[in-house]
Amino acid sequence: MPTIQQLVRQGRSTKFTKTKTPALKGSPQRRGVCTRVYTNTPKKPNSALRKVA
């Protein structure tokens, strides 16, 4: 724990947070390209062939 005098002289350095989604570049949605489109079966009580992109 720094003293008050140390904080007055140096101050606190800000931590830089690394973004979890760098490909979005701060946008909530962006256009993308589907690399694979396939069908999948849902979990136990339901049954169908769901299209997954």
Protein backbone atom coordinates (compact mmCIF):
# COMPACT_ATOMS: atom_id res chain seq x y z
CA MET A 1 0.00 0.00 0.00
CA PRO A 2 1.66 3.28 -1.07
CA THR A 3 1.72 6.30 1.20
CA ILE A 4 -0.10 9.54 0.33
CA GLN A 5 3.22 11.21 -0.50
CA GLN A 6 4.19 8.42 -2.90
CA LEU A 7 0.84 8.75 -4.68
CA VAL A 8 1.26 12.54 -4.93
CA ARG A 9 4.72 12.15 -6.47
CA GLN A 10 4.09 9.24 -8.84
CA GLY A 11 0.35 8.61 -9.05
CA ARG A 12 -1.17 5.33 -10.10
CA SER A 13 -0.61 3.72 -13.50
CA THR A 14 -3.71 2.64 -15.41
CA LYS A 15 -4.01 -1.03 -16.36
CA PHE A 16 -4.75 -1.72 -20.02
CA THR A 17 -7.42 -4.39 -20.51
CA LYS A 18 -7.01 -6.73 -23.46
CA THR A 19 -10.19 -7.04 -25.55
CA LYS A 20 -11.84 -10.46 -25.68
CA THR A 21 -13.09 -9.98 -29.28
CA PRO A 22 -10.42 -8.18 -31.32
CA ALA A 23 -12.06 -9.14 -34.63
CA LEU A 24 -15.16 -7.05 -33.83
CA LYS A 25 -13.05 -3.87 -33.38
CA GLY A 26 -15.49 -2.35 -30.89
CA SER A 27 -18.57 -2.89 -33.07
CA PRO A 28 -21.52 -4.83 -31.61
CA GLN A 29 -22.17 -6.64 -34.90
CA ARG A 30 -20.01 -7.09 -37.99
CA ARG A 31 -20.45 -8.84 -41.29
CA GLY A 32 -18.83 -12.26 -41.48
CA VAL A 33 -18.45 -15.22 -43.81
CA CYS A 34 -19.80 -18.67 -42.86
CA THR A 35 -17.00 -21.19 -43.20
CA ARG A 36 -19.25 -24.22 -42.62
CA VAL A 37 -23.03 -24.79 -42.69
CA TYR A 38 -24.26 -28.08 -41.22
CA THR A 39 -27.26 -29.69 -39.50
CA ASN A 40 -27.30 -30.67 -35.85
CA THR A 41 -29.74 -32.60 -33.64
CA PRO A 42 -31.01 -30.85 -30.49
CA LYS A 43 -30.79 -32.19 -26.93
CA LYS A 44 -32.92 -34.96 -25.47
CA PRO A 45 -36.65 -34.02 -25.38
CA ASN A 46 -36.63 -32.34 -28.83
CA SER A 47 -35.85 -33.89 -32.20
CA ALA A 48 -35.19 -32.24 -35.54
CA LEU A 49 -32.34 -31.38 -37.87
CA ARG A 50 -31.43 -27.79 -36.98
CA LYS A 51 -29.35 -25.79 -39.44
CA VAL A 52 -26.21 -24.40 -37.79
CA ALA A 53 -23.98 -21.86 -39.51
